[in-house]
Amino acid sequence: MNESSSNQPTILKKVEIVNGEINFACLRENCPTSCCGPFGGVQRGIDSVEGREFSEIVLTDEDTNRLLSSGCAHLIERTGEGYYRMRLHEDGSCVAFINGRCSIHAVKPTLCRAFPFYVDMFVGLCGVTDCPGFGSGWTKVEDLQEEVKAAKKMYSFWLDRMSLSRGSKDEEQLPAVRQSPAGKLDRTLTQDTVELVKITPRDRK
């Protein structure tokens, strides 16, 4: 890559919805940069208050129980803070990603089920458009309900985790805050929700 091209800003893809279809199609084992690889976050300038790396695949209690009952205890680890996560290779890729495929697809974590979709507190439902699946094909939005449900679960997971780390005074006020954004995503992907899907992460600089 020459110097002039390397200095050019990255042009991010946009999320588009046309006639009930979104410009996203999971490439699965043909993905050149699998979502099982190291993830650096949606943009520069966002950092974890708890010092967590974006490459971590944090497990919900449901994820942990499902993986343990499926004989996958060797793929997960308990942190010093008491939560569970997937084991990663040194490069940040998941140990369950073998020969270009997820070896635990049927029981994979909620975070993996949701990606590349996530809930942003500013704009609602978003797509991580760095994912090669965006722009590679079209999928009916109604066929992405499982991904949206998983994104909602992870959003609720983090809100619940924050409530547990706060004092009782703040904790009493949290449910009223939590119910509003989560409730808005209980609908199917109607026109109102579609407007949220069109919002993409801000441009990197």
C-alpha atoms as a PDB file:
ATOM      1  CA  MET A   1       0.000   0.000   0.000  1.00  0.00           C
ATOM      2  CA  ASN A   2       1.472   3.359  -0.994  1.00  0.00           C
ATOM      3  CA  GLU A   3       1.656   6.338   1.344  1.00  0.00           C
ATOM      4  CA  SER A   4      -1.146   8.321  -0.291  1.00  0.00           C
ATOM      5  CA  SER A   5      -3.658   5.506  -0.041  1.00  0.00           C
ATOM      6  CA  SER A   6      -2.696   4.690   3.553  1.00  0.00           C
ATOM      7  CA  ASN A   7      -3.471   8.256   4.611  1.00  0.00           C
ATOM      8  CA  GLN A   8      -6.956   8.199   3.138  1.00  0.00           C
ATOM      9  CA  PRO A   9      -9.791   7.920   5.685  1.00  0.00           C
ATOM     10  CA  THR A  10     -11.651   4.634   5.805  1.00  0.00           C
ATOM     11  CA  ILE A  11     -15.034   4.866   4.095  1.00  0.00           C
ATOM     12  CA  LEU A  12     -17.490   3.020   6.297  1.00  0.00           C
ATOM     13  CA  LYS A  13     -20.356   1.103   4.789  1.00  0.00           C
ATOM     14  CA  LYS A  14     -23.919   2.198   5.529  1.00  0.00           C
ATOM     15  CA  VAL A  15     -26.803   0.073   6.685  1.00  0.00           C
ATOM     16  CA  GLU A  16     -29.572   0.053   4.083  1.00  0.00           C
ATOM     17  CA  ILE A  17     -33.075  -1.399   4.202  1.00  0.00           C
ATOM     18  CA  VAL A  18     -34.994  -1.774   0.948  1.00  0.00           C
ATOM     19  CA  ASN A  19     -38.360  -3.512   0.572  1.00  0.00           C
ATOM     20  CA  GLY A  20     -38.016  -5.196   3.949  1.00  0.00           C
ATOM     21  CA  GLU A  21     -34.482  -6.467   3.346  1.00  0.00           C
ATOM     22  CA  ILE A  22     -31.231  -5.313   4.952  1.00  0.00           C
ATOM     23  CA  ASN A  23     -27.911  -5.188   3.080  1.00  0.00           C
ATOM     24  CA  PHE A  24     -26.347  -7.822   5.325  1.00  0.00           C
ATOM     25  CA  ALA A  25     -25.679 -11.516   4.795  1.00  0.00           C
ATOM     26  CA  CYS A  26     -23.552 -13.596   7.164  1.00  0.00           C
ATOM     27  CA  LEU A  27     -20.637 -15.119   5.230  1.00  0.00           C
ATOM     28  CA  ARG A  28     -20.159 -17.867   7.837  1.00  0.00           C
ATOM     29  CA  GLU A  29     -17.090 -20.021   7.090  1.00  0.00           C
ATOM     30  CA  ASN A  30     -16.334 -17.933   3.989  1.00  0.00           C
ATOM     31  CA  CYS A  31     -15.858 -14.756   6.020  1.00  0.00           C
ATOM     32  CA  PRO A  32     -12.358 -13.291   5.446  1.00  0.00           C
ATOM     33  CA  THR A  33     -12.281 -11.679   8.903  1.00  0.00           C
ATOM     34  CA  SER A  34     -14.513 -13.839  11.049  1.00  0.00           C
ATOM     35  CA  CYS A  35     -16.325 -12.205  13.957  1.00  0.00           C
ATOM     36  CA  CYS A  36     -14.556 -14.851  16.025  1.00  0.00           C
ATOM     37  CA  GLY A  37     -11.356 -12.860  15.494  1.00  0.00           C
ATOM     38  CA  PRO A  38     -10.050 -10.098  17.781  1.00  0.00           C
ATOM     39  CA  PHE A  39     -12.547  -7.234  18.027  1.00  0.00           C
ATOM     40  CA  GLY A  40     -11.327  -3.698  18.747  1.00  0.00           C
ATOM     41  CA  GLY A  41     -14.647  -1.972  19.403  1.00  0.00           C
ATOM     42  CA  VAL A  42     -16.919   0.065  17.159  1.00  0.00           C
ATOM     43  CA  GLN A  43     -14.780   3.208  17.153  1.00  0.00           C
ATOM     44  CA  ARG A  44     -11.805   4.943  18.674  1.00  0.00           C
ATOM     45  CA  GLY A  45     -12.459   7.068  21.736  1.00  0.00           C
ATOM     46  CA  ILE A  46     -14.565   4.506  23.621  1.00  0.00           C
ATOM     47  CA  ASP A  47     -12.964   2.634  26.490  1.00  0.00           C
ATOM     48  CA  SER A  48     -14.240   0.269  29.173  1.00  0.00           C
ATOM     49  CA  VAL A  49     -14.619   1.885  32.595  1.00  0.00           C
ATOM     50  CA  GLU A  50     -13.877  -1.526  34.112  1.00  0.00           C
ATOM     51  CA  GLY A  51     -10.733  -1.944  32.003  1.00  0.00           C
ATOM     52  CA  ARG A  52     -12.211  -4.743  29.908  1.00  0.00           C
ATOM     53  CA  GLU A  53     -10.798  -5.491  26.452  1.00  0.00           C
ATOM     54  CA  PHE A  54     -13.259  -5.384  23.544  1.00  0.00           C
ATOM     55  CA  SER A  55     -11.944  -8.759  22.421  1.00  0.00           C
ATOM     56  CA  GLU A  56     -13.408 -10.379  25.567  1.00  0.00           C
ATOM     57  CA  ILE A  57     -16.428 -12.601  25.004  1.00  0.00           C
ATOM     58  CA  VAL A  58     -18.255 -12.150  28.296  1.00  0.00           C
ATOM     59  CA  LEU A  59     -20.788 -14.848  29.141  1.00  0.00           C
ATOM     60  CA  THR A  60     -24.212 -14.371  30.666  1.00  0.00           C
ATOM     61  CA  ASP A  61     -25.305 -16.861  33.341  1.00  0.00           C
ATOM     62  CA  GLU A  62     -27.445 -18.547  30.697  1.00  0.00           C
ATOM     63  CA  ASP A  63     -24.419 -18.836  28.390  1.00  0.00           C
ATOM     64  CA  THR A  64     -22.269 -20.313  31.143  1.00  0.00           C
ATOM     65  CA  ASN A  65     -24.853 -22.924  32.135  1.00  0.00           C
ATOM     66  CA  ARG A  66     -25.492 -23.850  28.512  1.00  0.00           C
ATOM     67  CA  LEU A  67     -21.778 -24.306  27.758  1.00  0.00           C
ATOM     68  CA  LEU A  68     -21.098 -26.261  30.960  1.00  0.00           C
ATOM     69  CA  SER A  69     -24.013 -28.602  30.334  1.00  0.00           C
ATOM     70  CA  SER A  70     -22.774 -29.129  26.765  1.00  0.00           C
ATOM     71  CA  GLY A  71     -19.350 -30.318  27.903  1.00  0.00           C
ATOM     72  CA  CYS A  72     -17.557 -27.111  26.941  1.00  0.00           C
ATOM     73  CA  ALA A  73     -16.074 -26.273  30.352  1.00  0.00           C
ATOM     74  CA  HIS A  74     -12.562 -26.364  28.837  1.00  0.00           C
ATOM     75  CA  LEU A  75     -13.465 -23.444  26.553  1.00  0.00           C
ATOM     76  CA  ILE A  76     -14.432 -20.984  29.265  1.00  0.00           C
ATOM     77  CA  GLU A  77     -12.698 -19.392  32.236  1.00  0.00           C
ATOM     78  CA  ARG A  78     -13.713 -17.601  35.418  1.00  0.00           C
ATOM     79  CA  THR A  79     -12.169 -14.180  35.965  1.00  0.00           C
ATOM     80  CA  GLY A  80     -10.957 -12.713  39.230  1.00  0.00           C
ATOM     81  CA  GLU A  81     -14.052 -10.500  39.226  1.00  0.00           C
ATOM     82  CA  GLY A  82     -16.270 -13.571  39.338  1.00  0.00           C
ATOM     83  CA  TYR A  83     -17.768 -13.566  35.820  1.00  0.00           C
ATOM     84  CA  TYR A  84     -17.135 -16.078  33.050  1.00  0.00           C
ATOM     85  CA  ARG A  85     -15.793 -15.530  29.552  1.00  0.00           C
ATOM     86  CA  MET A  86     -14.601 -17.540  26.569  1.00  0.00           C
ATOM     87  CA  ARG A  87     -10.936 -18.493  26.500  1.00  0.00           C
ATOM     88  CA  LEU A  88      -8.987 -16.658  23.801  1.00  0.00           C
ATOM     89  CA  HIS A  89      -5.771 -17.314  21.917  1.00  0.00           C
ATOM     90  CA  GLU A  90      -2.955 -14.794  22.266  1.00  0.00           C
ATOM     91  CA  ASP A  91      -4.102 -13.005  19.098  1.00  0.00           C
ATOM     92  CA  GLY A  92      -7.549 -12.448  20.622  1.00  0.00           C
ATOM     93  CA  SER A  93      -9.373 -15.109  18.607  1.00  0.00           C
ATOM     94  CA  CYS A  94     -11.737 -17.522  20.342  1.00  0.00           C
ATOM     95  CA  VAL A  95     -10.480 -21.035  21.129  1.00  0.00           C
ATOM     96  CA  ALA A  96     -13.789 -22.432  19.856  1.00  0.00           C
ATOM     97  CA  PHE A  97     -13.064 -21.080  16.360  1.00  0.00           C
ATOM     98  CA  ILE A  98     -11.517 -24.065  14.578  1.00  0.00           C
ATOM     99  CA  ASN A  99     -10.695 -24.475  10.875  1.00  0.00           C
ATOM    100  CA  GLY A 100     -12.650 -21.385   9.877  1.00  0.00           C
ATOM    101  CA  ARG A 101     -15.816 -22.353  11.759  1.00  0.00           C
ATOM    102  CA  CYS A 102     -17.376 -21.937  15.175  1.00  0.00           C
ATOM    103  CA  SER A 103     -17.144 -25.378  16.767  1.00  0.00           C
ATOM    104  CA  ILE A 104     -19.935 -24.572  19.259  1.00  0.00           C
ATOM    105  CA  HIS A 105     -22.385 -22.871  16.911  1.00  0.00           C
ATOM    106  CA  ALA A 106     -25.457 -24.520  18.463  1.00  0.00           C
ATOM    107  CA  VAL A 107     -24.559 -23.270  21.960  1.00  0.00           C
ATOM    108  CA  LYS A 108     -22.540 -20.160  21.156  1.00  0.00           C
ATOM    109  CA  PRO A 109     -22.661 -17.182  23.580  1.00  0.00           C
ATOM    110  CA  THR A 110     -25.289 -14.451  23.415  1.00  0.00           C
ATOM    111  CA  LEU A 111     -22.699 -11.882  22.355  1.00  0.00           C
ATOM    112  CA  CYS A 112     -21.759 -14.005  19.351  1.00  0.00           C
ATOM    113  CA  ARG A 113     -25.403 -14.588  18.455  1.00  0.00           C
ATOM    114  CA  ALA A 114     -25.983 -10.828  18.360  1.00  0.00           C
ATOM    115  CA  PHE A 115     -22.905  -9.730  16.394  1.00  0.00           C
ATOM    116  CA  PRO A 116     -22.716  -7.607  14.244  1.00  0.00           C
ATOM    117  CA  PHE A 117     -25.763  -5.982  15.838  1.00  0.00           C
ATOM    118  CA  TYR A 118     -25.728  -4.172  19.167  1.00  0.00           C
ATOM    119  CA  VAL A 119     -27.740  -1.620  21.134  1.00  0.00           C
ATOM    120  CA  ASP A 120     -26.228   1.857  21.457  1.00  0.00           C
ATOM    121  CA  MET A 121     -27.547   4.115  24.217  1.00  0.00           C
ATOM    122  CA  PHE A 122     -27.547   7.151  21.904  1.00  0.00           C
ATOM    123  CA  VAL A 123     -29.330   5.811  18.840  1.00  0.00           C
ATOM    124  CA  GLY A 124     -30.680   2.342  19.606  1.00  0.00           C
ATOM    125  CA  LEU A 125     -30.143  -0.673  17.362  1.00  0.00           C
ATOM    126  CA  CYS A 126     -26.915  -0.485  15.314  1.00  0.00           C
ATOM    127  CA  GLY A 127     -24.901  -2.612  12.951  1.00  0.00           C
ATOM    128  CA  VAL A 128     -21.094  -2.892  13.110  1.00  0.00           C
ATOM    129  CA  THR A 129     -20.564  -2.178   9.426  1.00  0.00           C
ATOM    130  CA  ASP A 130     -16.901  -3.216   9.485  1.00  0.00           C
ATOM    131  CA  CYS A 131     -18.351  -6.725   9.381  1.00  0.00           C
ATOM    132  CA  PRO A 132     -17.799  -8.076   5.830  1.00  0.00           C
ATOM    133  CA  GLY A 133     -21.381  -9.332   5.859  1.00  0.00           C
ATOM    134  CA  PHE A 134     -22.592  -5.785   5.270  1.00  0.00           C
ATOM    135  CA  GLY A 135     -22.747  -5.124   1.550  1.00  0.00           C
ATOM    136  CA  SER A 136     -22.315  -8.805   0.648  1.00  0.00           C
ATOM    137  CA  GLY A 137     -25.977  -9.661   0.200  1.00  0.00           C
ATOM    138  CA  TRP A 138     -29.520  -9.069   1.421  1.00  0.00           C
ATOM    139  CA  THR A 139     -31.508 -10.662   4.247  1.00  0.00           C
ATOM    140  CA  LYS A 140     -35.135 -10.183   5.239  1.00  0.00           C
ATOM    141  CA  VAL A 141     -35.184  -8.143   8.439  1.00  0.00           C
ATOM    142  CA  GLU A 142     -37.712 -10.568   9.909  1.00  0.00           C
ATOM    143  CA  ASP A 143     -35.066 -13.301   9.633  1.00  0.00           C
ATOM    144  CA  LEU A 144     -32.774 -11.384  12.009  1.00  0.00           C
ATOM    145  CA  GLN A 145     -35.069 -11.550  15.021  1.00  0.00           C
ATOM    146  CA  GLU A 146     -32.750 -13.956  16.868  1.00  0.00           C
ATOM    147  CA  GLU A 147     -29.817 -11.576  16.439  1.00  0.00           C
ATOM    148  CA  VAL A 148     -31.898  -8.631  17.665  1.00  0.00           C
ATOM    149  CA  LYS A 149     -33.149 -10.654  20.637  1.00  0.00           C
ATOM    150  CA  ALA A 150     -29.554 -11.536  21.543  1.00  0.00           C
ATOM    151  CA  ALA A 151     -28.517  -7.860  21.299  1.00  0.00           C
ATOM    152  CA  LYS A 152     -31.351  -6.955  23.671  1.00  0.00           C
ATOM    153  CA  LYS A 153     -30.241  -9.660  26.103  1.00  0.00           C
ATOM    154  CA  MET A 154     -26.681  -8.328  26.166  1.00  0.00           C
ATOM    155  CA  TYR A 155     -27.942  -4.768  26.694  1.00  0.00           C
ATOM    156  CA  SER A 156     -30.022  -5.945  29.651  1.00  0.00           C
ATOM    157  CA  PHE A 157     -27.070  -8.000  30.932  1.00  0.00           C
ATOM    158  CA  TRP A 158     -24.835  -4.936  31.189  1.00  0.00           C
ATOM    159  CA  LEU A 159     -27.567  -2.844  32.797  1.00  0.00           C
ATOM    160  CA  ASP A 160     -28.143  -5.551  35.404  1.00  0.00           C
ATOM    161  CA  ARG A 161     -24.398  -5.812  36.009  1.00  0.00           C
ATOM    162  CA  MET A 162     -24.163  -2.057  36.588  1.00  0.00           C
ATOM    163  CA  SER A 163     -27.054  -2.210  39.059  1.00  0.00           C
ATOM    164  CA  LEU A 164     -25.237  -4.885  41.060  1.00  0.00           C
ATOM    165  CA  SER A 165     -22.097  -2.758  41.282  1.00  0.00           C
ATOM    166  CA  ARG A 166     -23.933   0.336  42.559  1.00  0.00           C
ATOM    167  CA  GLY A 167     -25.104   1.286  46.017  1.00  0.00           C
ATOM    168  CA  SER A 168     -28.684   0.644  47.076  1.00  0.00           C
ATOM    169  CA  LYS A 169     -29.694   4.290  46.540  1.00  0.00           C
ATOM    170  CA  ASP A 170     -28.857   4.230  42.819  1.00  0.00           C
ATOM    171  CA  GLU A 171     -30.064   0.666  42.472  1.00  0.00           C
ATOM    172  CA  GLU A 172     -33.598   1.627  43.430  1.00  0.00           C
ATOM    173  CA  GLN A 173     -33.774   4.098  40.542  1.00  0.00           C
ATOM    174  CA  LEU A 174     -32.291   1.829  37.861  1.00  0.00           C
ATOM    175  CA  PRO A 175     -35.306  -0.322  36.849  1.00  0.00           C
ATOM    176  CA  ALA A 176     -37.249   2.715  35.591  1.00  0.00           C
ATOM    177  CA  VAL A 177     -34.270   3.668  33.415  1.00  0.00           C
ATOM    178  CA  ARG A 178     -33.716   0.129  32.205  1.00  0.00           C
ATOM    179  CA  GLN A 179     -37.281  -0.600  31.139  1.00  0.00           C
ATOM    180  CA  SER A 180     -37.521   2.221  28.616  1.00  0.00           C
ATOM    181  CA  PRO A 181     -34.785   1.350  26.051  1.00  0.00           C
ATOM    182  CA  ALA A 182     -35.311  -2.395  26.374  1.00  0.00           C
ATOM    183  CA  GLY A 183     -39.075  -2.048  25.949  1.00  0.00           C
ATOM    184  CA  LYS A 184     -38.668  -0.117  22.707  1.00  0.00           C
ATOM    185  CA  LEU A 185     -36.925  -3.123  21.131  1.00  0.00           C
ATOM    186  CA  ASP A 186     -39.676  -5.605  22.052  1.00  0.00           C
ATOM    187  CA  ARG A 187     -41.387  -4.802  18.759  1.00  0.00           C
ATOM    188  CA  THR A 188     -40.607  -6.628  15.554  1.00  0.00           C
ATOM    189  CA  LEU A 189     -38.579  -4.698  13.001  1.00  0.00           C
ATOM    190  CA  THR A 190     -41.356  -2.348  11.957  1.00  0.00           C
ATOM    191  CA  GLN A 191     -40.773   1.017  10.270  1.00  0.00           C
ATOM    192  CA  ASP A 192     -40.097   2.665  13.644  1.00  0.00           C
ATOM    193  CA  THR A 193     -37.344   0.185  14.427  1.00  0.00           C
ATOM    194  CA  VAL A 194     -35.972   0.352  10.896  1.00  0.00           C
ATOM    195  CA  GLU A 195     -35.069   3.983  11.493  1.00  0.00           C
ATOM    196  CA  LEU A 196     -32.825   2.829  14.339  1.00  0.00           C
ATOM    197  CA  VAL A 197     -31.152   0.198  12.174  1.00  0.00           C
ATOM    198  CA  LYS A 198     -30.025   2.851   9.702  1.00  0.00           C
ATOM    199  CA  ILE A 199     -27.755   4.470  12.306  1.00  0.00           C
ATOM    200  CA  THR A 200     -24.149   3.261  12.035  1.00  0.00           C
ATOM    201  CA  PRO A 201     -21.093   3.829  14.234  1.00  0.00           C
ATOM    202  CA  ARG A 202     -19.444   7.211  13.861  1.00  0.00           C
ATOM    203  CA  ASP A 203     -16.555   7.582  11.412  1.00  0.00           C
ATOM    204  CA  ARG A 204     -13.119   6.732  12.677  1.00  0.00           C
ATOM    205  CA  LYS A 205     -10.494   9.450  12.532  1.00  0.00           C
END
